[in-house]
Amino acid sequence: MDDSNKHLKSLLKQTDLAFKALIREPESSILNERYERAKHELDLYTASLKHSLNQRRQQRQR
C-alpha cells in the first residue's frame, strides 16, 4: 500500500473513532470538536487527492 493510501486509511480510522466516541457522549463539546477536526482533515485530504487526479487526467489529455 502506498503512502497516500496509508494516510487515507489513517484519516478514515481517526474519523470513525471520533464519530463512535461522539455517539457514546453526544453532549460532549470536546468529542464534537475532535470529530469535526477529523472530518475537516479528511475533507482536506480527499479534496487534495481529487485535485491531483484531475491534474493527472488533464496532463494525459494533452
PDB file of N, CA and C in Angstrom:
ATOM      1  N   MET A   1       0.857  -1.176   0.000  1.00  0.00           N
ATOM      2  CA  MET A   1       0.000   0.000   0.000  1.00  0.00           C
ATOM      3  C   MET A   1       0.902   1.238   0.000  1.00  0.00           C
ATOM      4  N   ASP A   2       0.618   2.169  -0.891  1.00  0.00           N
ATOM      5  CA  ASP A   2       1.465   3.353  -0.944  1.00  0.00           C
ATOM      6  C   ASP A   2       1.117   4.331   0.187  1.00  0.00           C
ATOM      7  N   ASP A   3       1.931   5.355   0.305  1.00  0.00           N
ATOM      8  CA  ASP A   3       1.786   6.289   1.424  1.00  0.00           C
ATOM      9  C   ASP A   3       0.450   7.024   1.425  1.00  0.00           C
ATOM     10  N   SER A   4      -0.046   7.400   0.254  1.00  0.00           N
ATOM     11  CA  SER A   4      -1.317   8.134   0.227  1.00  0.00           C
ATOM     12  C   SER A   4      -2.469   7.249   0.695  1.00  0.00           C
ATOM     13  N   ASN A   5      -2.432   5.959   0.324  1.00  0.00           N
ATOM     14  CA  ASN A   5      -3.467   5.039   0.799  1.00  0.00           C
ATOM     15  C   ASN A   5      -3.374   4.827   2.309  1.00  0.00           C
ATOM     16  N   LYS A   6      -2.161   4.742   2.809  1.00  0.00           N
ATOM     17  CA  LYS A   6      -1.978   4.582   4.257  1.00  0.00           C
ATOM     18  C   LYS A   6      -2.511   5.809   4.996  1.00  0.00           C
ATOM     19  N   HIS A   7      -2.214   6.977   4.450  1.00  0.00           N
ATOM     20  CA  HIS A   7      -2.667   8.213   5.100  1.00  0.00           C
ATOM     21  C   HIS A   7      -4.192   8.303   5.057  1.00  0.00           C
ATOM     22  N   LEU A   8      -4.780   7.972   3.923  1.00  0.00           N
ATOM     23  CA  LEU A   8      -6.233   7.990   3.799  1.00  0.00           C
ATOM     24  C   LEU A   8      -6.871   7.008   4.781  1.00  0.00           C
ATOM     25  N   LYS A   9      -6.315   5.822   4.865  1.00  0.00           N
ATOM     26  CA  LYS A   9      -6.834   4.814   5.797  1.00  0.00           C
ATOM     27  C   LYS A   9      -6.746   5.313   7.237  1.00  0.00           C
ATOM     28  N   SER A  10      -5.654   5.977   7.576  1.00  0.00           N
ATOM     29  CA  SER A  10      -5.476   6.528   8.917  1.00  0.00           C
ATOM     30  C   SER A  10      -6.510   7.618   9.214  1.00  0.00           C
ATOM     31  N   LEU A  11      -6.735   8.492   8.243  1.00  0.00           N
ATOM     32  CA  LEU A  11      -7.731   9.560   8.433  1.00  0.00           C
ATOM     33  C   LEU A  11      -9.141   8.988   8.572  1.00  0.00           C
ATOM     34  N   LEU A  12      -9.447   7.975   7.788  1.00  0.00           N
ATOM     35  CA  LEU A  12     -10.759   7.337   7.894  1.00  0.00           C
ATOM     36  C   LEU A  12     -10.952   6.693   9.265  1.00  0.00           C
ATOM     37  N   LYS A  13      -9.921   6.024   9.736  1.00  0.00           N
ATOM     38  CA  LYS A  13      -9.998   5.384  11.056  1.00  0.00           C
ATOM     39  C   LYS A  13     -10.157   6.431  12.147  1.00  0.00           C
ATOM     40  N   GLN A  14      -9.387   7.503  12.054  1.00  0.00           N
ATOM     41  CA  GLN A  14      -9.455   8.583  13.043  1.00  0.00           C
ATOM     42  C   GLN A  14     -10.864   9.194  13.067  1.00  0.00           C
ATOM     43  N   THR A  15     -11.435   9.418  11.897  1.00  0.00           N
ATOM     44  CA  THR A  15     -12.783   9.986  11.808  1.00  0.00           C
ATOM     45  C   THR A  15     -13.814   9.017  12.380  1.00  0.00           C
ATOM     46  N   ASP A  16     -13.672   7.751  12.058  1.00  0.00           N
ATOM     47  CA  ASP A  16     -14.595   6.730  12.551  1.00  0.00           C
ATOM     48  C   ASP A  16     -14.552   6.625  14.077  1.00  0.00           C
ATOM     49  N   LEU A  17     -13.351   6.601  14.633  1.00  0.00           N
ATOM     50  CA  LEU A  17     -13.216   6.523  16.091  1.00  0.00           C
ATOM     51  C   LEU A  17     -13.793   7.756  16.774  1.00  0.00           C
ATOM     52  N   ALA A  18     -13.553   8.915  16.189  1.00  0.00           N
ATOM     53  CA  ALA A  18     -14.088  10.155  16.768  1.00  0.00           C
ATOM     54  C   ALA A  18     -15.614  10.149  16.712  1.00  0.00           C
ATOM     55  N   PHE A  19     -16.170   9.639  15.620  1.00  0.00           N
ATOM     56  CA  PHE A  19     -17.627   9.567  15.488  1.00  0.00           C
ATOM     57  C   PHE A  19     -18.227   8.603  16.510  1.00  0.00           C
ATOM     58  N   LYS A  20     -17.603   7.447  16.664  1.00  0.00           N
ATOM     59  CA  LYS A  20     -18.105   6.464  17.631  1.00  0.00           C
ATOM     60  C   LYS A  20     -18.049   7.010  19.058  1.00  0.00           C
ATOM     61  N   ALA A  21     -16.996   7.744  19.387  1.00  0.00           N
ATOM     62  CA  ALA A  21     -16.900   8.352  20.716  1.00  0.00           C
ATOM     63  C   ALA A  21     -17.989   9.400  20.900  1.00  0.00           C
ATOM     64  N   LEU A  22     -18.236  10.171  19.861  1.00  0.00           N
ATOM     65  CA  LEU A  22     -19.269  11.208  19.941  1.00  0.00           C
ATOM     66  C   LEU A  22     -20.657  10.589  20.099  1.00  0.00           C
ATOM     67  N   ILE A  23     -20.906   9.473  19.467  1.00  0.00           N
ATOM     68  CA  ILE A  23     -22.203   8.799  19.610  1.00  0.00           C
ATOM     69  C   ILE A  23     -22.426   8.372  21.062  1.00  0.00           C
ATOM     70  N   ARG A  24     -21.348   7.927  21.708  1.00  0.00           N
ATOM     71  CA  ARG A  24     -21.478   7.497  23.104  1.00  0.00           C
ATOM     72  C   ARG A  24     -21.756   8.683  24.036  1.00  0.00           C
ATOM     73  N   GLU A  25     -21.202   9.855  23.685  1.00  0.00           N
ATOM     74  CA  GLU A  25     -21.380  11.057  24.502  1.00  0.00           C
ATOM     75  C   GLU A  25     -21.717  12.247  23.611  1.00  0.00           C
ATOM     76  N   PRO A  26     -22.947  12.282  23.088  1.00  0.00           N
ATOM     77  CA  PRO A  26     -23.302  13.323  22.114  1.00  0.00           C
ATOM     78  C   PRO A  26     -23.271  14.758  22.658  1.00  0.00           C
ATOM     79  N   GLU A  27     -23.324  14.915  23.955  1.00  0.00           N
ATOM     80  CA  GLU A  27     -23.312  16.263  24.538  1.00  0.00           C
ATOM     81  C   GLU A  27     -21.900  16.804  24.773  1.00  0.00           C
ATOM     82  N   SER A  28     -20.893  15.999  24.544  1.00  0.00           N
ATOM     83  CA  SER A  28     -19.517  16.392  24.812  1.00  0.00           C
ATOM     84  C   SER A  28     -19.006  17.363  23.747  1.00  0.00           C
ATOM     85  N   SER A  29     -18.678  18.556  24.163  1.00  0.00           N
ATOM     86  CA  SER A  29     -18.147  19.538  23.216  1.00  0.00           C
ATOM     87  C   SER A  29     -16.734  19.157  22.760  1.00  0.00           C
ATOM     88  N   ILE A  30     -15.979  18.532  23.638  1.00  0.00           N
ATOM     89  CA  ILE A  30     -14.620  18.104  23.273  1.00  0.00           C
ATOM     90  C   ILE A  30     -14.675  17.019  22.191  1.00  0.00           C
ATOM     91  N   LEU A  31     -15.557  16.035  22.378  1.00  0.00           N
ATOM     92  CA  LEU A  31     -15.678  14.967  21.384  1.00  0.00           C
ATOM     93  C   LEU A  31     -16.250  15.490  20.069  1.00  0.00           C
ATOM     94  N   ASN A  32     -17.157  16.452  20.170  1.00  0.00           N
ATOM     95  CA  ASN A  32     -17.695  17.062  18.962  1.00  0.00           C
ATOM     96  C   ASN A  32     -16.593  17.797  18.203  1.00  0.00           C
ATOM     97  N   GLU A  33     -15.759  18.504  18.926  1.00  0.00           N
ATOM     98  CA  GLU A  33     -14.639  19.216  18.299  1.00  0.00           C
ATOM     99  C   GLU A  33     -13.656  18.242  17.644  1.00  0.00           C
ATOM    100  N   ARG A  34     -13.368  17.139  18.328  1.00  0.00           N
ATOM    101  CA  ARG A  34     -12.458  16.130  17.758  1.00  0.00           C
ATOM    102  C   ARG A  34     -13.026  15.540  16.469  1.00  0.00           C
ATOM    103  N   TYR A  35     -14.321  15.265  16.487  1.00  0.00           N
ATOM    104  CA  TYR A  35     -14.964  14.707  15.295  1.00  0.00           C
ATOM    105  C   TYR A  35     -14.938  15.714  14.145  1.00  0.00           C
ATOM    106  N   GLU A  36     -15.283  16.954  14.436  1.00  0.00           N
ATOM    107  CA  GLU A  36     -15.273  17.982  13.396  1.00  0.00           C
ATOM    108  C   GLU A  36     -13.875  18.185  12.828  1.00  0.00           C
ATOM    109  N   ARG A  37     -12.865  18.148  13.683  1.00  0.00           N
ATOM    110  CA  ARG A  37     -11.479  18.295  13.227  1.00  0.00           C
ATOM    111  C   ARG A  37     -11.074  17.115  12.346  1.00  0.00           C
ATOM    112  N   ALA A  38     -11.442  15.910  12.768  1.00  0.00           N
ATOM    113  CA  ALA A  38     -11.119  14.710  11.987  1.00  0.00           C
ATOM    114  C   ALA A  38     -11.818  14.755  10.624  1.00  0.00           C
ATOM    115  N   LYS A  39     -13.083  15.165  10.618  1.00  0.00           N
ATOM    116  CA  LYS A  39     -13.819  15.292   9.364  1.00  0.00           C
ATOM    117  C   LYS A  39     -13.167  16.324   8.449  1.00  0.00           C
ATOM    118  N   HIS A  40     -12.771  17.429   9.032  1.00  0.00           N
ATOM    119  CA  HIS A  40     -12.145  18.509   8.261  1.00  0.00           C
ATOM    120  C   HIS A  40     -10.831  18.024   7.628  1.00  0.00           C
ATOM    121  N   GLU A  41     -10.015  17.331   8.399  1.00  0.00           N
ATOM    122  CA  GLU A  41      -8.749  16.805   7.876  1.00  0.00           C
ATOM    123  C   GLU A  41      -8.998  15.803   6.750  1.00  0.00           C
ATOM    124  N   LEU A  42     -10.003  14.965   6.919  1.00  0.00           N
ATOM    125  CA  LEU A  42     -10.356  14.002   5.878  1.00  0.00           C
ATOM    126  C   LEU A  42     -10.848  14.727   4.627  1.00  0.00           C
ATOM    127  N   ASP A  43     -11.691  15.726   4.797  1.00  0.00           N
ATOM    128  CA  ASP A  43     -12.196  16.500   3.660  1.00  0.00           C
ATOM    129  C   ASP A  43     -11.061  17.192   2.908  1.00  0.00           C
ATOM    130  N   LEU A  44     -10.136  17.788   3.655  1.00  0.00           N
ATOM    131  CA  LEU A  44      -9.000  18.451   3.016  1.00  0.00           C
ATOM    132  C   LEU A  44      -8.163  17.460   2.208  1.00  0.00           C
ATOM    133  N   TYR A  45      -7.934  16.310   2.789  1.00  0.00           N
ATOM    134  CA  TYR A  45      -7.102  15.313   2.115  1.00  0.00           C
ATOM    135  C   TYR A  45      -7.786  14.768   0.864  1.00  0.00           C
ATOM    136  N   THR A  46      -9.079  14.470   0.961  1.00  0.00           N
ATOM    137  CA  THR A  46      -9.773  13.946  -0.218  1.00  0.00           C
ATOM    138  C   THR A  46      -9.857  15.017  -1.311  1.00  0.00           C
ATOM    139  N   ALA A  47     -10.015  16.273  -0.941  1.00  0.00           N
ATOM    140  CA  ALA A  47     -10.013  17.351  -1.931  1.00  0.00           C
ATOM    141  C   ALA A  47      -8.654  17.432  -2.616  1.00  0.00           C
ATOM    142  N   SER A  48      -7.604  17.255  -1.853  1.00  0.00           N
ATOM    143  CA  SER A  48      -6.255  17.266  -2.407  1.00  0.00           C
ATOM    144  C   SER A  48      -6.056  16.099  -3.383  1.00  0.00           C
ATOM    145  N   LEU A  49      -6.550  14.928  -3.024  1.00  0.00           N
ATOM    146  CA  LEU A  49      -6.444  13.769  -3.914  1.00  0.00           C
ATOM    147  C   LEU A  49      -7.220  14.006  -5.213  1.00  0.00           C
ATOM    148  N   LYS A  50      -8.419  14.549  -5.089  1.00  0.00           N
ATOM    149  CA  LYS A  50      -9.230  14.833  -6.279  1.00  0.00           C
ATOM    150  C   LYS A  50      -8.511  15.819  -7.192  1.00  0.00           C
ATOM    151  N   HIS A  51      -7.924  16.839  -6.602  1.00  0.00           N
ATOM    152  CA  HIS A  51      -7.200  17.843  -7.375  1.00  0.00           C
ATOM    153  C   HIS A  51      -6.022  17.197  -8.117  1.00  0.00           C
ATOM    154  N   SER A  52      -5.281  16.351  -7.435  1.00  0.00           N
ATOM    155  CA  SER A  52      -4.148  15.664  -8.050  1.00  0.00           C
ATOM    156  C   SER A  52      -4.598  14.759  -9.195  1.00  0.00           C
ATOM    157  N   LEU A  53      -5.687  14.045  -8.986  1.00  0.00           N
ATOM    158  CA  LEU A  53      -6.202  13.163 -10.039  1.00  0.00           C
ATOM    159  C   LEU A  53      -6.662  13.966 -11.253  1.00  0.00           C
ATOM    160  N   ASN A  54      -7.311  15.095 -11.011  1.00  0.00           N
ATOM    161  CA  ASN A  54      -7.749  15.943 -12.117  1.00  0.00           C
ATOM    162  C   ASN A  54      -6.559  16.493 -12.896  1.00  0.00           C
ATOM    163  N   GLN A  55      -5.506  16.872 -12.187  1.00  0.00           N
ATOM    164  CA  GLN A  55      -4.312  17.374 -12.859  1.00  0.00           C
ATOM    165  C   GLN A  55      -3.673  16.286 -13.726  1.00  0.00           C
ATOM    166  N   ARG A  56      -3.596  15.076 -13.202  1.00  0.00           N
ATOM    167  CA  ARG A  56      -3.035  13.963 -13.984  1.00  0.00           C
ATOM    168  C   ARG A  56      -3.847  13.688 -15.229  1.00  0.00           C
ATOM    169  N   ARG A  57      -5.161  13.713 -15.065  1.00  0.00           N
ATOM    170  CA  ARG A  57      -6.056  13.447 -16.202  1.00  0.00           C
ATOM    171  C   ARG A  57      -5.882  14.530 -17.263  1.00  0.00           C
ATOM    172  N   GLN A  58      -5.775  15.782 -16.849  1.00  0.00           N
ATOM    173  CA  GLN A  58      -5.590  16.870 -17.808  1.00  0.00           C
ATOM    174  C   GLN A  58      -4.260  16.751 -18.527  1.00  0.00           C
ATOM    175  N   GLN A  59      -3.218  16.324 -17.819  1.00  0.00           N
ATOM    176  CA  GLN A  59      -1.905  16.162 -18.451  1.00  0.00           C
ATOM    177  C   GLN A  59      -1.919  15.046 -19.473  1.00  0.00           C
ATOM    178  N   ARG A  60      -2.673  13.999 -19.211  1.00  0.00           N
ATOM    179  CA  ARG A  60      -2.760  12.868 -20.145  1.00  0.00           C
ATOM    180  C   ARG A  60      -3.532  13.248 -21.409  1.00  0.00           C
ATOM    181  N   GLN A  61      -4.461  14.183 -21.273  1.00  0.00           N
ATOM    182  CA  GLN A  61      -5.286  14.578 -22.415  1.00  0.00           C
ATOM    183  C   GLN A  61      -4.526  15.485 -23.377  1.00  0.00           C
ATOM    184  N   ARG A  62      -3.394  16.008 -22.978  1.00  0.00           N
ATOM    185  CA  ARG A  62      -2.627  16.911 -23.835  1.00  0.00           C
ATOM    186  C   ARG A  62      -1.855  16.176 -24.883  1.00  0.00           C
TER     187      ARG A  62
END
